[in-house]
Amino acid sequence: MQSTGFGIIDTGNKRLVYVASGCVKSGAGDLATRLKAILEGLKQVIAAHGPVEVAVEKVFVNANPQSTLALGQARGTAICAAVLANLPVSEYTALQVKQSVVGNGHAAKEQVQHMVKRLLALPGDPAPDAADALACAICHAHGRSFGALETKSFRMKRGRLV
């Protein structure tokens, strides 16, 4: 957990418009100090840009339990920053984010970066952490525009959805 990406978009006029993105660096030190740096950094981002909603990617379990735990703690800190600012928080899985932005829930990071660049008309690919955050914001905007994102699985049986 060296940095936490953030991405801010404006969805006025039914268009996705890039506002800002970047990373909050947690620096060195013990866990509590790094989490405090993330909290303070995100509080500054919220104060500077005044978002009205926050979307956060859900943590998935990977091969390294320590990495999963650290990611979960950073994520919890990001949620706390939003809640302290009285902002509603929505959560999306990586699969939902990739499906919404790329059209493929198993897309590579480079594909996500490229589509974020195209959807927001950016001059270049955003940094990976910022691209992930912008993709989560785009996913949230798509979900709000087109109704709630479907999270249930479905299967086709004799031409009918079951």
C-alpha atoms as a PDB file:
ATOM      1  CA  MET A   1       0.000   0.000   0.000  1.00  0.00           C
ATOM      2  CA  GLN A   2       2.396   2.691  -1.224  1.00  0.00           C
ATOM      3  CA  SER A   3      -0.165   4.822  -3.011  1.00  0.00           C
ATOM      4  CA  THR A   4      -3.915   5.116  -3.333  1.00  0.00           C
ATOM      5  CA  GLY A   5      -5.306   6.276  -6.653  1.00  0.00           C
ATOM      6  CA  PHE A   6      -8.143   8.763  -6.980  1.00  0.00           C
ATOM      7  CA  GLY A   7     -10.115   9.913  -9.985  1.00  0.00           C
ATOM      8  CA  ILE A   8     -12.760  12.587 -10.255  1.00  0.00           C
ATOM      9  CA  ILE A   9     -15.158  12.991 -13.159  1.00  0.00           C
ATOM     10  CA  ASP A  10     -18.132  15.227 -13.838  1.00  0.00           C
ATOM     11  CA  THR A  11     -21.248  13.583 -15.265  1.00  0.00           C
ATOM     12  CA  GLY A  12     -23.262  16.725 -15.980  1.00  0.00           C
ATOM     13  CA  ASN A  13     -25.064  16.988 -19.316  1.00  0.00           C
ATOM     14  CA  LYS A  14     -24.994  13.177 -19.675  1.00  0.00           C
ATOM     15  CA  ARG A  15     -21.288  13.316 -20.573  1.00  0.00           C
ATOM     16  CA  LEU A  16     -18.218  12.018 -18.790  1.00  0.00           C
ATOM     17  CA  VAL A  17     -15.775  14.861 -18.228  1.00  0.00           C
ATOM     18  CA  TYR A  18     -12.360  14.446 -16.621  1.00  0.00           C
ATOM     19  CA  VAL A  19     -11.790  16.686 -13.590  1.00  0.00           C
ATOM     20  CA  ALA A  20      -8.713  15.343 -11.793  1.00  0.00           C
ATOM     21  CA  SER A  21      -6.788  12.208 -10.916  1.00  0.00           C
ATOM     22  CA  GLY A  22      -3.645  11.180  -9.153  1.00  0.00           C
ATOM     23  CA  CYS A  23      -2.276   9.205  -6.262  1.00  0.00           C
ATOM     24  CA  VAL A  24      -2.042   9.838  -2.560  1.00  0.00           C
ATOM     25  CA  LYS A  25       1.338   8.556  -1.401  1.00  0.00           C
ATOM     26  CA  SER A  26       1.422   6.880   1.979  1.00  0.00           C
ATOM     27  CA  GLY A  27       5.189   7.167   2.405  1.00  0.00           C
ATOM     28  CA  ALA A  28       7.251   5.213   4.889  1.00  0.00           C
ATOM     29  CA  GLY A  29       6.592   4.398   8.502  1.00  0.00           C
ATOM     30  CA  ASP A  30       4.390   2.073  10.458  1.00  0.00           C
ATOM     31  CA  LEU A  31       0.922   1.061   9.289  1.00  0.00           C
ATOM     32  CA  ALA A  32      -0.932   3.654  11.363  1.00  0.00           C
ATOM     33  CA  THR A  33       1.228   6.469   9.974  1.00  0.00           C
ATOM     34  CA  ARG A  34       0.702   5.324   6.385  1.00  0.00           C
ATOM     35  CA  LEU A  35      -3.075   5.026   6.864  1.00  0.00           C
ATOM     36  CA  LYS A  36      -3.154   8.508   8.395  1.00  0.00           C
ATOM     37  CA  ALA A  37      -1.310   9.854   5.326  1.00  0.00           C
ATOM     38  CA  ILE A  38      -3.948   8.284   3.062  1.00  0.00           C
ATOM     39  CA  LEU A  39      -6.800   9.690   5.162  1.00  0.00           C
ATOM     40  CA  GLU A  40      -5.305  13.200   5.226  1.00  0.00           C
ATOM     41  CA  GLY A  41      -4.496  13.097   1.512  1.00  0.00           C
ATOM     42  CA  LEU A  42      -8.005  12.007   0.543  1.00  0.00           C
ATOM     43  CA  LYS A  43      -9.533  14.611   2.846  1.00  0.00           C
ATOM     44  CA  GLN A  44      -7.529  17.243   0.925  1.00  0.00           C
ATOM     45  CA  VAL A  45      -8.699  15.848  -2.434  1.00  0.00           C
ATOM     46  CA  ILE A  46     -12.325  15.910  -1.257  1.00  0.00           C
ATOM     47  CA  ALA A  47     -11.975  19.470   0.070  1.00  0.00           C
ATOM     48  CA  ALA A  48     -10.324  20.680  -3.153  1.00  0.00           C
ATOM     49  CA  HIS A  49     -12.746  19.104  -5.613  1.00  0.00           C
ATOM     50  CA  GLY A  50     -16.021  18.753  -3.687  1.00  0.00           C
ATOM     51  CA  PRO A  51     -17.295  15.435  -5.056  1.00  0.00           C
ATOM     52  CA  VAL A  52     -20.904  14.535  -4.292  1.00  0.00           C
ATOM     53  CA  GLU A  53     -20.489  10.740  -4.364  1.00  0.00           C
ATOM     54  CA  VAL A  54     -17.679   8.243  -3.930  1.00  0.00           C
ATOM     55  CA  ALA A  55     -17.143   4.896  -5.643  1.00  0.00           C
ATOM     56  CA  VAL A  56     -14.660   2.380  -4.259  1.00  0.00           C
ATOM     57  CA  GLU A  57     -13.445  -0.892  -5.689  1.00  0.00           C
ATOM     58  CA  LYS A  58     -14.126  -3.952  -3.535  1.00  0.00           C
ATOM     59  CA  VAL A  59     -11.160  -5.974  -2.351  1.00  0.00           C
ATOM     60  CA  PHE A  60     -10.631  -9.413  -3.777  1.00  0.00           C
ATOM     61  CA  VAL A  61      -8.565 -12.118  -2.125  1.00  0.00           C
ATOM     62  CA  ASN A  62      -5.304 -12.804  -3.917  1.00  0.00           C
ATOM     63  CA  ALA A  63      -2.432 -15.194  -3.363  1.00  0.00           C
ATOM     64  CA  ASN A  64      -0.713 -12.998  -0.769  1.00  0.00           C
ATOM     65  CA  PRO A  65      -2.856 -12.569   2.368  1.00  0.00           C
ATOM     66  CA  GLN A  66      -0.653  -9.710   3.639  1.00  0.00           C
ATOM     67  CA  SER A  67      -1.249  -7.720   0.428  1.00  0.00           C
ATOM     68  CA  THR A  68      -4.975  -8.380   0.643  1.00  0.00           C
ATOM     69  CA  LEU A  69      -5.060  -7.185   4.246  1.00  0.00           C
ATOM     70  CA  ALA A  70      -3.061  -4.020   3.468  1.00  0.00           C
ATOM     71  CA  LEU A  71      -5.311  -3.244   0.502  1.00  0.00           C
ATOM     72  CA  GLY A  72      -8.388  -3.734   2.678  1.00  0.00           C
ATOM     73  CA  GLN A  73      -7.035  -1.362   5.289  1.00  0.00           C
ATOM     74  CA  ALA A  74      -6.275   1.318   2.685  1.00  0.00           C
ATOM     75  CA  ARG A  75      -9.736   0.818   1.201  1.00  0.00           C
ATOM     76  CA  GLY A  76     -11.327   1.182   4.639  1.00  0.00           C
ATOM     77  CA  THR A  77      -9.392   4.402   5.132  1.00  0.00           C
ATOM     78  CA  ALA A  78     -10.687   5.735   1.802  1.00  0.00           C
ATOM     79  CA  ILE A  79     -14.248   4.887   2.835  1.00  0.00           C
ATOM     80  CA  CYS A  80     -13.716   6.662   6.161  1.00  0.00           C
ATOM     81  CA  ALA A  81     -12.513   9.803   4.339  1.00  0.00           C
ATOM     82  CA  ALA A  82     -15.741   9.804   2.314  1.00  0.00           C
ATOM     83  CA  VAL A  83     -17.983   9.097   5.304  1.00  0.00           C
ATOM     84  CA  LEU A  84     -16.304  11.844   7.355  1.00  0.00           C
ATOM     85  CA  ALA A  85     -17.232  14.239   4.520  1.00  0.00           C
ATOM     86  CA  ASN A  86     -20.847  12.941   4.599  1.00  0.00           C
ATOM     87  CA  LEU A  87     -20.558  11.490   1.087  1.00  0.00           C
ATOM     88  CA  PRO A  88     -22.454   8.387  -0.030  1.00  0.00           C
ATOM     89  CA  VAL A  89     -20.185   5.458  -0.917  1.00  0.00           C
ATOM     90  CA  SER A  90     -20.853   2.831  -3.581  1.00  0.00           C
ATOM     91  CA  GLU A  91     -18.738  -0.282  -4.027  1.00  0.00           C
ATOM     92  CA  TYR A  92     -17.962  -2.242  -7.192  1.00  0.00           C
ATOM     93  CA  THR A  93     -16.000  -5.383  -7.896  1.00  0.00           C
ATOM     94  CA  ALA A  94     -13.067  -5.297 -10.313  1.00  0.00           C
ATOM     95  CA  LEU A  95     -15.166  -7.463 -12.631  1.00  0.00           C
ATOM     96  CA  GLN A  96     -17.991  -4.882 -12.651  1.00  0.00           C
ATOM     97  CA  VAL A  97     -15.563  -2.016 -13.260  1.00  0.00           C
ATOM     98  CA  LYS A  98     -13.790  -3.751 -16.151  1.00  0.00           C
ATOM     99  CA  GLN A  99     -17.082  -4.901 -17.669  1.00  0.00           C
ATOM    100  CA  SER A 100     -18.470  -1.369 -17.528  1.00  0.00           C
ATOM    101  CA  VAL A 101     -15.392   0.363 -18.937  1.00  0.00           C
ATOM    102  CA  VAL A 102     -13.911  -2.194 -21.336  1.00  0.00           C
ATOM    103  CA  GLY A 103     -16.822  -4.549 -21.981  1.00  0.00           C
ATOM    104  CA  ASN A 104     -14.780  -7.486 -20.701  1.00  0.00           C
ATOM    105  CA  GLY A 105     -14.656  -8.311 -16.996  1.00  0.00           C
ATOM    106  CA  HIS A 106     -11.276  -9.976 -17.423  1.00  0.00           C
ATOM    107  CA  ALA A 107      -9.572  -7.127 -19.292  1.00  0.00           C
ATOM    108  CA  ALA A 108      -5.906  -6.356 -18.689  1.00  0.00           C
ATOM    109  CA  LYS A 109      -4.817  -3.194 -16.838  1.00  0.00           C
ATOM    110  CA  GLU A 110      -3.510  -1.753 -20.111  1.00  0.00           C
ATOM    111  CA  GLN A 111      -6.941  -2.160 -21.719  1.00  0.00           C
ATOM    112  CA  VAL A 112      -8.559  -0.348 -18.796  1.00  0.00           C
ATOM    113  CA  GLN A 113      -6.027   2.491 -19.069  1.00  0.00           C
ATOM    114  CA  HIS A 114      -6.639   2.794 -22.803  1.00  0.00           C
ATOM    115  CA  MET A 115     -10.435   2.854 -22.488  1.00  0.00           C
ATOM    116  CA  VAL A 116     -10.307   5.399 -19.647  1.00  0.00           C
ATOM    117  CA  LYS A 117      -8.149   7.557 -21.922  1.00  0.00           C
ATOM    118  CA  ARG A 118     -10.672   7.226 -24.772  1.00  0.00           C
ATOM    119  CA  LEU A 119     -13.829   7.662 -22.677  1.00  0.00           C
ATOM    120  CA  LEU A 120     -12.490  10.802 -20.996  1.00  0.00           C
ATOM    121  CA  ALA A 121     -10.642  12.139 -24.088  1.00  0.00           C
ATOM    122  CA  LEU A 122      -7.332  12.309 -22.214  1.00  0.00           C
ATOM    123  CA  PRO A 123      -4.135  13.204 -24.095  1.00  0.00           C
ATOM    124  CA  GLY A 124      -2.323  10.142 -22.711  1.00  0.00           C
ATOM    125  CA  ASP A 125      -2.822   7.048 -20.604  1.00  0.00           C
ATOM    126  CA  PRO A 126      -3.308   7.862 -16.909  1.00  0.00           C
ATOM    127  CA  ALA A 127      -1.051   6.224 -14.314  1.00  0.00           C
ATOM    128  CA  PRO A 128      -2.256   2.705 -13.395  1.00  0.00           C
ATOM    129  CA  ASP A 129      -3.641   3.577  -9.928  1.00  0.00           C
ATOM    130  CA  ALA A 130      -5.322   6.734 -11.242  1.00  0.00           C
ATOM    131  CA  ALA A 131      -6.739   4.792 -14.218  1.00  0.00           C
ATOM    132  CA  ASP A 132      -8.261   2.226 -11.850  1.00  0.00           C
ATOM    133  CA  ALA A 133      -9.852   5.002  -9.789  1.00  0.00           C
ATOM    134  CA  LEU A 134     -11.184   6.778 -12.882  1.00  0.00           C
ATOM    135  CA  ALA A 135     -12.531   3.451 -14.177  1.00  0.00           C
ATOM    136  CA  CYS A 136     -14.381   2.939 -10.895  1.00  0.00           C
ATOM    137  CA  ALA A 137     -15.873   6.438 -11.217  1.00  0.00           C
ATOM    138  CA  ILE A 138     -16.912   5.699 -14.814  1.00  0.00           C
ATOM    139  CA  CYS A 139     -18.488   2.413 -13.694  1.00  0.00           C
ATOM    140  CA  HIS A 140     -20.459   4.281 -11.036  1.00  0.00           C
ATOM    141  CA  ALA A 141     -21.577   6.897 -13.556  1.00  0.00           C
ATOM    142  CA  HIS A 142     -22.695   4.194 -15.987  1.00  0.00           C
ATOM    143  CA  GLY A 143     -24.617   2.442 -13.207  1.00  0.00           C
ATOM    144  CA  ARG A 144     -26.398   5.659 -12.260  1.00  0.00           C
ATOM    145  CA  SER A 145     -27.190   6.513 -15.871  1.00  0.00           C
ATOM    146  CA  PHE A 146     -28.486   3.128 -16.899  1.00  0.00           C
ATOM    147  CA  GLY A 147     -29.976   1.827 -13.653  1.00  0.00           C
ATOM    148  CA  ALA A 148     -28.336  -0.332 -11.035  1.00  0.00           C
ATOM    149  CA  LEU A 149     -25.523  -2.523 -12.269  1.00  0.00           C
ATOM    150  CA  GLU A 150     -26.517  -6.151 -12.392  1.00  0.00           C
ATOM    151  CA  THR A 151     -24.498  -8.174  -9.924  1.00  0.00           C
ATOM    152  CA  LYS A 152     -26.370 -11.457 -10.155  1.00  0.00           C
ATOM    153  CA  SER A 153     -25.168 -14.102 -12.526  1.00  0.00           C
ATOM    154  CA  PHE A 154     -27.479 -15.414 -15.167  1.00  0.00           C
ATOM    155  CA  ARG A 155     -27.540 -18.327 -17.554  1.00  0.00           C
ATOM    156  CA  MET A 156     -29.279 -18.992 -20.818  1.00  0.00           C
ATOM    157  CA  LYS A 157     -31.630 -21.973 -20.971  1.00  0.00           C
ATOM    158  CA  ARG A 158     -33.463 -22.759 -24.196  1.00  0.00           C
ATOM    159  CA  GLY A 159     -33.361 -19.145 -25.302  1.00  0.00           C
ATOM    160  CA  ARG A 160     -34.665 -17.753 -21.978  1.00  0.00           C
ATOM    161  CA  LEU A 161     -32.839 -15.948 -19.216  1.00  0.00           C
ATOM    162  CA  VAL A 162     -33.059 -17.870 -15.988  1.00  0.00           C
END
